[in-house]
Each structure stands twice: as C-alpha cells, then as structure tokens.
C-alpha cells in the first residue's frame, strides 16, 4: 500500500511516500520568510503549501495511487491519543481553533489530496493536543483557567515505543520521562503508556526554548499586558515565536550560539546554560509525578544532537534514571506506521467528534 505523509512545520513542509513500511522518498520543502509573511494566518497558507506538495510529487513522477494520506494533526481541541479519520468536524474545528500552528495544515492538506483519489483515506495521528492528564494535573491556582497540554505527542510516543522495543519491553510496561528539545520544549511523564502530565510547550509553560518564552512571572506579565506598550498580537508573539533564545540572543540557530560560546561570548553562555538549567528542573519535576519510579529518561528532538547541551543536561538529571538520547524526530515514520496499522486492521481508527 502506498502512503503519503505530510508534516507541515513553521519554516518547512516535509513529505514522504511509503510503500507499506518501506520509505520510497523523503523531502523537505523549505519556505523563505518572505513567502510566508504575506499570509495573515497559518491556515491561509493552505493553497500555497498544498500546491508545493503536488508539484514536488509530480516532479518526482510519484503516481497518485495512494491508499492513504496522513497528516500531522493540528491543535483543534484536546483528544485522546490514536489514529483519527479526518472528517468535516475536524476540518471545521481546525480552521477555527484558538491555537494556531503550521501543524494545523496537516489534516487540511491530507484530506484535500485524498478526496480526489478513488479509495484513498485520510488520517491524523497523535496530534499535539493529545490530552491524557490526570484530573489534578489540570488544576491551577485560579478558577479562571486550567492547565492544558500542547506537546510533541507524536514524536514522544514514537520514541517511547522505539526505546521499549530496543530493550525488549512494551511501552505500556514502562514509566518514562521524555523531553523533546526543539523550537519548543515539551516534557511529559509517561505512566505505562499514558502521558499523565505534560506541559503546554506552545504558549506559556515549562522551560524557555529557542522560540518560546516558557513560564513567566504572572504578575509582571499582567502588568505588561496593561502597560500599553504592546498589542495583544505583539505580546503573543513575545511568548511564542519571537521569544526564548530568539529574543534573548537574536537567533535560534544552535550552531551559531555554540560558536559564539566557543569564541568567548559569556552572555550567550549564560543564556544557553539557563535554558539547560530550567529544562533540567522541569524534567526532574516529572519524577514526582511518577513517585520517583522512573525506568528511563529519553531526550529527543533536534537539540538532542547538541554536544554542548546534552552533556550538561545529563549532568543535572542522570541521578533520576538512566538517560538515553534519540536525536531528531521519528514523526514521518510514526505517521506512516499509524496509517498502515489502520489499513491492515491492526489498529482501530477513531472518529473525531
């Protein structure tokens, strides 16, 4: 069975074609800032990115005979983990979601391409809004709001299953703390196959990251909101997008930052060490969620390749449990595998309601 995988990101759109489990091609289409800045909202990029995907497939002479098209899930609303068939309700909720991210385009484009191919189905799997939190994890100190999680669910679950397979166990048999180190940093406690605690890595919880501000002093934030210095839109960008390393150092490029440090930039060292410090603090906090019974800590994402960050992070967290590194992302393979599992009857597809 031929499966098309679509994974839109902030600055690129990844696509892959799998024949059953075998990857036939993998491409990443980069987007220049000037190509995207003309769009008011990320969902306005739909036609632009969809056409780029179609043009790339045609250029590579890929036949449009897919059994399924699976996209990275969007941020429509909290839902249980699993594979979902894309329906009109999901499309409507994604277009009207409060949280906006390039991943929202995954289900929109996947459905648009699949509907024009006879017999082709469209899916998403383990979107970033997968919510399996314990009830008390949702409570914060005011009735005006509650905790939500937006995290790298797809990659974290893929890495968890990969690790479990490598040690001859099932994901459901293990207690894991998993940290995805990317443009945003998400940290989750996995209790026997269920992520019972995870942060909102998109807009305001956890450590600061290359693009995110993370948790901020609440009263200072409120005062800033009423200072008249910034609009609502400007402040939201200062929390997600133009925040973290980007705001503090003027770049989110880890190689550039590490080069600055190697050349004696003490300020760059202070900021990156602070990100490592806060990340370690949040990782260790998840050990309390699991009553200290942690089989392993797994580090993944692009920054897991950093020879500066990882040794310093491990030095602060290794006392909790053995730490293992899985650099990069397994998202494309995970998406293809989820689609194939449904097509072969190994997994029952869920209905979005």
Protein backbone atom coordinates (compact mmCIF):
# COMPACT_ATOMS: atom_id res chain seq x y z
CA UNK A 1 0.00 0.00 0.00
CA UNK A 2 1.22 3.44 -0.95
CA UNK A 3 1.01 6.03 1.84
CA UNK A 4 1.64 9.77 1.54
CA UNK A 5 2.83 11.52 4.71
CA UNK A 6 2.54 15.29 5.16
CA UNK A 7 4.17 17.15 8.05
CA UNK A 8 3.99 20.98 7.89
CA UNK A 9 6.33 22.94 10.16
CA UNK A 10 6.92 26.62 10.81
CA UNK A 11 9.57 27.03 8.10
CA UNK A 12 9.25 23.86 6.02
CA UNK A 13 6.85 21.21 4.78
CA UNK A 14 8.06 17.62 4.96
CA UNK A 15 6.54 14.92 2.78
CA UNK A 16 7.28 11.24 2.41
CA UNK A 17 5.96 8.29 0.44
CA UNK A 18 5.97 4.83 1.97
CA UNK A 19 5.22 1.51 0.32
CA UNK A 20 3.95 -0.40 3.35
CA UNK A 21 6.80 0.02 5.90
CA UNK A 22 9.40 0.92 3.28
CA UNK A 23 10.22 4.62 2.71
CA UNK A 24 10.33 5.39 -1.01
CA UNK A 25 11.18 9.08 -0.70
CA UNK A 26 11.54 11.82 1.87
CA UNK A 27 11.60 15.51 1.01
CA UNK A 28 11.66 18.74 2.99
CA UNK A 29 10.48 21.87 1.21
CA UNK A 30 11.92 24.98 2.87
CA UNK A 31 9.89 28.19 2.99
CA UNK A 32 11.51 31.61 2.92
CA UNK A 33 10.16 34.10 5.49
CA UNK A 34 9.11 36.43 2.65
CA UNK A 35 6.99 33.64 1.13
CA UNK A 36 5.01 33.18 4.34
CA UNK A 37 4.79 36.69 5.76
CA UNK A 38 2.14 37.68 3.23
CA UNK A 39 -0.32 35.27 4.88
CA UNK A 40 -2.25 36.71 7.82
CA UNK A 41 -2.91 33.34 9.49
CA UNK A 42 -1.18 30.00 9.12
CA UNK A 43 -4.31 28.37 7.66
CA UNK A 44 -4.16 30.95 4.86
CA UNK A 45 -1.05 29.09 3.66
CA UNK A 46 -3.19 26.09 2.67
CA UNK A 47 -3.27 26.60 -1.11
CA UNK A 48 0.39 27.65 -1.24
CA UNK A 49 1.72 24.61 0.62
CA UNK A 50 -0.70 22.14 -0.97
CA UNK A 51 0.42 23.14 -4.45
CA UNK A 52 4.09 22.84 -3.49
CA UNK A 53 3.45 19.25 -2.35
CA UNK A 54 1.57 18.32 -5.51
CA UNK A 55 4.23 19.92 -7.72
CA UNK A 56 7.01 18.07 -5.87
CA UNK A 57 5.25 14.71 -6.24
CA UNK A 58 4.64 15.29 -9.94
CA UNK A 59 8.25 16.36 -10.46
CA UNK A 60 9.37 13.08 -8.90
CA UNK A 61 6.88 11.09 -11.01
CA UNK A 62 5.08 9.72 -7.97
CA UNK A 63 1.78 8.11 -9.01
CA UNK A 64 -1.30 9.45 -7.25
CA UNK A 65 -2.49 5.96 -6.31
CA UNK A 66 -2.27 6.34 -2.55
CA UNK A 67 -4.22 4.08 -0.22
CA UNK A 68 -3.99 6.75 2.46
CA UNK A 69 -2.74 10.27 3.10
CA UNK A 70 -1.83 11.01 6.70
CA UNK A 71 -1.01 14.45 8.04
CA UNK A 72 0.43 15.76 11.25
CA UNK A 73 -2.54 16.59 13.45
CA UNK A 74 -3.49 20.14 14.30
CA UNK A 75 -4.43 21.96 17.50
CA UNK A 76 -8.20 21.79 17.20
CA UNK A 77 -9.12 20.62 20.73
CA UNK A 78 -7.96 18.14 23.38
CA UNK A 79 -8.45 14.49 22.42
CA UNK A 80 -7.29 11.00 23.29
CA UNK A 81 -4.27 9.57 21.53
CA UNK A 82 -4.62 7.35 18.48
CA UNK A 83 -5.34 7.46 14.75
CA UNK A 84 -8.31 9.52 13.56
CA UNK A 85 -10.07 9.55 10.21
CA UNK A 86 -10.35 13.14 9.02
CA UNK A 87 -13.95 14.32 8.84
CA UNK A 88 -15.73 17.62 8.29
CA UNK A 89 -15.99 18.31 12.02
CA UNK A 90 -12.20 18.06 12.36
CA UNK A 91 -11.65 20.33 9.36
CA UNK A 92 -14.04 22.96 10.75
CA UNK A 93 -12.55 22.84 14.25
CA UNK A 94 -9.01 23.08 12.90
CA UNK A 95 -9.82 26.18 10.84
CA UNK A 96 -11.47 27.82 13.86
CA UNK A 97 -9.07 26.69 16.58
CA UNK A 98 -7.84 29.19 19.16
CA UNK A 99 -4.27 27.96 18.89
CA UNK A 100 -2.63 28.41 15.51
CA UNK A 101 0.36 26.47 14.23
CA UNK A 102 1.65 25.17 10.90
CA UNK A 103 0.72 21.63 12.01
CA UNK A 104 -2.95 22.66 11.54
CA UNK A 105 -2.32 22.40 7.80
CA UNK A 106 -1.55 18.68 8.08
CA UNK A 107 -5.12 17.44 8.23
CA UNK A 108 -6.40 20.13 5.84
CA UNK A 109 -3.95 19.24 3.08
CA UNK A 110 -4.13 15.47 3.69
CA UNK A 111 -7.92 15.49 3.31
CA UNK A 112 -7.81 17.75 0.25
CA UNK A 113 -5.42 15.45 -1.61
CA UNK A 114 -7.06 12.18 -0.53
CA UNK A 115 -10.59 13.16 -1.53
CA UNK A 116 -9.54 13.36 -5.19
CA UNK A 117 -8.06 9.84 -5.22
CA UNK A 118 -10.51 6.91 -5.56
CA UNK A 119 -10.47 4.69 -2.49
CA UNK A 120 -7.96 6.84 -0.63
CA UNK A 121 -8.49 7.59 3.08
CA UNK A 122 -7.13 10.48 5.13
CA UNK A 123 -5.91 10.37 8.73
CA UNK A 124 -4.09 12.18 11.50
CA UNK A 125 -2.35 10.51 14.44
CA UNK A 126 -1.37 11.62 17.96
CA UNK A 127 -1.72 15.38 17.42
CA UNK A 128 -0.08 17.88 19.75
CA UNK A 129 -3.31 18.29 21.72
CA UNK A 130 -3.45 14.66 22.90
CA UNK A 131 -4.69 15.02 26.48
CA UNK A 132 -4.36 12.14 28.95
CA UNK A 133 -3.64 14.29 32.00
CA UNK A 134 -4.60 13.21 35.49
CA UNK A 135 -7.51 15.31 36.73
CA UNK A 136 -5.40 17.04 39.36
CA UNK A 137 -2.79 17.93 36.74
CA UNK A 138 -5.35 20.27 35.16
CA UNK A 139 -5.83 22.33 38.33
CA UNK A 140 -4.00 25.61 38.83
CA UNK A 141 -4.41 28.28 41.50
CA UNK A 142 -7.35 30.16 39.99
CA UNK A 143 -10.80 29.04 38.82
CA UNK A 144 -10.44 31.41 35.86
CA UNK A 145 -8.31 28.94 33.93
CA UNK A 146 -6.94 25.42 33.94
CA UNK A 147 -3.82 23.69 32.66
CA UNK A 148 -3.80 22.27 29.16
CA UNK A 149 -1.04 20.42 27.34
CA UNK A 150 0.26 21.07 23.85
CA UNK A 151 3.26 18.87 23.30
CA UNK A 152 5.17 16.71 20.82
CA UNK A 153 2.87 13.74 21.35
CA UNK A 154 3.58 12.05 18.03
CA UNK A 155 7.36 12.04 18.35
CA UNK A 156 7.37 11.31 22.07
CA UNK A 157 5.20 8.21 21.62
CA UNK A 158 7.26 7.06 18.64
CA UNK A 159 10.48 7.38 20.64
CA UNK A 160 8.90 5.64 23.64
CA UNK A 161 7.87 2.64 21.53
CA UNK A 162 11.26 2.56 19.81
CA UNK A 163 13.07 2.53 23.17
CA UNK A 164 10.75 -0.13 24.58
CA UNK A 165 11.33 -2.33 21.54
CA UNK A 166 15.11 -1.93 21.86
CA UNK A 167 15.07 -3.21 25.45
CA UNK A 168 12.57 -5.99 24.71
CA UNK A 169 9.61 -4.49 26.55
CA UNK A 170 6.30 -2.83 25.72
CA UNK A 171 5.72 0.91 26.02
CA UNK A 172 2.78 0.08 28.30
CA UNK A 173 5.15 -1.65 30.74
CA UNK A 174 7.33 1.37 31.41
CA UNK A 175 7.46 4.62 33.35
CA UNK A 176 9.29 7.20 31.24
CA UNK A 177 10.12 10.89 31.30
CA UNK A 178 10.52 12.15 27.75
CA UNK A 179 11.84 15.56 26.74
CA UNK A 180 11.54 16.84 23.18
CA UNK A 181 14.15 19.52 22.57
CA UNK A 182 13.13 21.58 19.56
CA UNK A 183 11.86 25.06 18.75
CA UNK A 184 9.59 24.39 21.71
CA UNK A 185 10.49 22.07 24.58
CA UNK A 186 7.88 19.59 25.76
CA UNK A 187 8.34 17.31 28.76
CA UNK A 188 5.93 14.53 29.68
CA UNK A 189 5.60 11.80 32.29
CA UNK A 190 4.52 8.55 30.62
CA UNK A 191 2.90 6.19 33.10
CA UNK A 192 2.56 2.74 31.48
CA UNK A 193 1.56 4.04 28.06
CA UNK A 194 -0.33 7.15 29.19
CA UNK A 195 1.09 10.68 29.32
CA UNK A 196 -0.36 11.70 32.67
CA UNK A 197 1.45 15.06 32.79
CA UNK A 198 2.79 17.27 30.01
CA UNK A 199 3.37 20.98 29.57
CA UNK A 200 1.90 23.49 27.17
CA UNK A 201 5.04 23.84 25.09
CA UNK A 202 3.37 26.17 22.58
CA UNK A 203 2.34 29.20 24.56
CA UNK A 204 3.38 29.53 28.11
CA UNK A 205 4.50 26.67 30.32
CA UNK A 206 7.75 24.91 31.02
CA UNK A 207 11.34 25.94 30.24
CA UNK A 208 12.11 28.63 27.72
CA UNK A 209 13.35 27.30 24.39
CA UNK A 210 14.73 28.57 21.07
CA UNK A 211 11.32 30.10 20.16
CA UNK A 212 9.19 30.04 23.34
CA UNK A 213 9.21 32.14 26.49
CA UNK A 214 8.08 29.28 28.73
CA UNK A 215 6.63 30.01 32.17
CA UNK A 216 6.78 33.71 33.08
CA UNK A 217 6.29 35.71 36.31
CA UNK A 218 2.49 36.05 36.30
CA UNK A 219 2.10 39.47 37.92
CA UNK A 220 4.79 41.01 35.72
CA UNK A 221 3.07 39.60 32.65
CA UNK A 222 -0.28 41.09 33.71
CA UNK A 223 1.31 44.49 34.25
CA UNK A 224 2.98 44.28 30.86
CA UNK A 225 -0.37 43.49 29.23
CA UNK A 226 -1.86 46.70 30.66
CA UNK A 227 1.19 48.87 30.08
CA UNK A 228 0.01 49.99 26.64
CA UNK A 229 3.42 49.22 25.16
CA UNK A 230 2.30 46.22 23.12
CA UNK A 231 -0.80 44.97 21.34
CA UNK A 232 -2.27 41.56 22.16
CA UNK A 233 -0.83 40.12 18.95
CA UNK A 234 2.63 41.51 19.70
CA UNK A 235 2.62 40.04 23.19
CA UNK A 236 1.51 36.63 21.95
CA UNK A 237 4.47 36.62 19.56
CA UNK A 238 6.71 37.51 22.51
CA UNK A 239 5.50 34.29 24.15
CA UNK A 240 5.71 32.01 21.12
CA UNK A 241 7.79 32.75 18.04
CA UNK A 242 9.82 35.83 18.97
CA UNK A 243 10.79 34.58 22.41
CA UNK A 244 13.30 32.38 24.16
CA UNK A 245 16.76 32.24 22.59
CA UNK A 246 15.45 34.26 19.63
CA UNK A 247 14.53 37.18 21.89
CA UNK A 248 17.47 36.87 24.26
CA UNK A 249 20.25 36.29 21.71
CA UNK A 250 18.74 37.42 18.40
CA UNK A 251 18.97 33.92 16.92
CA UNK A 252 17.59 30.43 17.48
CA UNK A 253 20.36 28.75 15.48
CA UNK A 254 22.08 26.41 17.94
CA UNK A 255 25.24 26.12 15.84
CA UNK A 256 25.62 29.90 15.81
CA UNK A 257 25.05 30.16 19.55
CA UNK A 258 27.53 27.39 20.31
CA UNK A 259 30.04 29.07 18.00
CA UNK A 260 29.62 32.32 19.93
CA UNK A 261 30.26 30.47 23.19
CA UNK A 262 33.36 28.78 21.76
CA UNK A 263 34.64 32.24 20.80
CA UNK A 264 34.24 33.55 24.34
CA UNK A 265 30.76 35.10 24.33
CA UNK A 266 29.91 34.94 28.05
CA UNK A 267 26.40 36.32 27.59
CA UNK A 268 25.50 33.59 25.08
CA UNK A 269 26.88 31.01 27.51
CA UNK A 270 24.80 32.40 30.36
CA UNK A 271 21.58 32.27 28.32
CA UNK A 272 22.10 28.76 26.92
CA UNK A 273 23.16 27.44 30.32
CA UNK A 274 19.98 28.98 31.76
CA UNK A 275 17.86 27.12 29.19
CA UNK A 276 19.61 23.87 30.15
CA UNK A 277 19.09 24.64 33.85
CA UNK A 278 15.35 25.28 33.52
CA UNK A 279 14.88 22.27 31.24
CA UNK A 280 16.55 20.01 33.80
CA UNK A 281 14.37 21.46 36.55
CA UNK A 282 11.16 20.60 34.69
CA UNK A 283 12.43 17.12 33.77
CA UNK A 284 13.21 16.33 37.41
CA UNK A 285 9.78 17.64 38.47
CA UNK A 286 8.13 14.90 36.39
CA UNK A 287 9.84 12.30 38.58
CA UNK A 288 7.50 13.42 41.39
CA UNK A 289 4.52 12.69 39.12
CA UNK A 290 5.76 9.10 38.79
CA UNK A 291 6.52 8.77 42.53
CA UNK A 292 10.23 8.53 41.67
CA UNK A 293 9.70 5.23 39.84
CA UNK A 294 11.31 6.12 36.51
CA UNK A 295 12.68 3.44 34.19
CA UNK A 296 14.41 5.89 31.85
CA UNK A 297 14.65 9.48 30.68
CA UNK A 298 14.56 9.89 26.90
CA UNK A 299 15.87 13.01 25.14
CA UNK A 300 14.80 13.68 21.57
CA UNK A 301 14.34 16.49 19.03
CA UNK A 302 16.85 18.47 17.02
CA UNK A 303 18.75 19.89 20.02
CA UNK A 304 19.41 16.34 21.20
CA UNK A 305 22.26 16.44 18.65
CA UNK A 306 24.00 19.24 20.55
CA UNK A 307 27.34 18.25 22.05
CA UNK A 308 27.10 21.32 24.27
CA UNK A 309 23.56 20.93 25.61
CA UNK A 310 23.22 17.17 26.16
CA UNK A 311 26.23 16.51 28.45
CA UNK A 312 25.31 19.50 30.64
CA UNK A 313 21.66 18.45 30.77
CA UNK A 314 22.52 14.86 31.65
CA UNK A 315 24.77 16.03 34.45
CA UNK A 316 21.70 17.52 36.15
CA UNK A 317 19.21 14.67 35.55
CA UNK A 318 21.14 11.39 35.46
CA UNK A 319 20.56 10.82 39.18
CA UNK A 320 16.85 10.21 38.48
CA UNK A 321 17.21 7.35 35.97
CA UNK A 322 19.36 6.23 33.03
CA UNK A 323 19.21 8.79 30.24
CA UNK A 324 19.11 7.89 26.54
CA UNK A 325 19.37 10.16 23.50
CA UNK A 326 17.34 9.81 20.31
CA UNK A 327 18.34 12.86 18.23
CA UNK A 328 15.95 14.22 15.63
CA UNK A 329 12.38 13.15 15.08
CA UNK A 330 10.63 9.91 14.13
CA UNK A 331 7.47 11.73 13.06
CA UNK A 332 7.37 10.70 9.39
CA UNK A 333 7.94 7.03 10.12
CA UNK A 334 5.48 7.20 13.01
CA UNK A 335 2.76 8.73 10.84
CA UNK A 336 3.26 6.17 8.08
CA UNK A 337 3.21 3.35 10.60
CA UNK A 338 -0.01 4.61 12.15
CA UNK A 339 -1.72 4.79 8.75
CA UNK A 340 -0.54 1.30 7.82
CA UNK A 341 -1.76 -0.10 11.14
CA UNK A 342 -5.27 1.11 10.33
CA UNK A 343 -5.18 -0.06 6.72
CA UNK A 344 -4.07 -3.56 7.78
CA UNK A 345 -6.59 -3.79 10.60
CA UNK A 346 -4.04 -3.85 13.43
CA UNK A 347 -5.40 -0.64 14.91
CA UNK A 348 -9.00 0.57 15.03
CA UNK A 349 -9.40 4.07 13.64
CA UNK A 350 -11.09 6.64 15.89
CA UNK A 351 -13.88 9.03 14.98
CA UNK A 352 -13.41 12.70 15.74
CA UNK A 353 -16.47 14.22 17.44
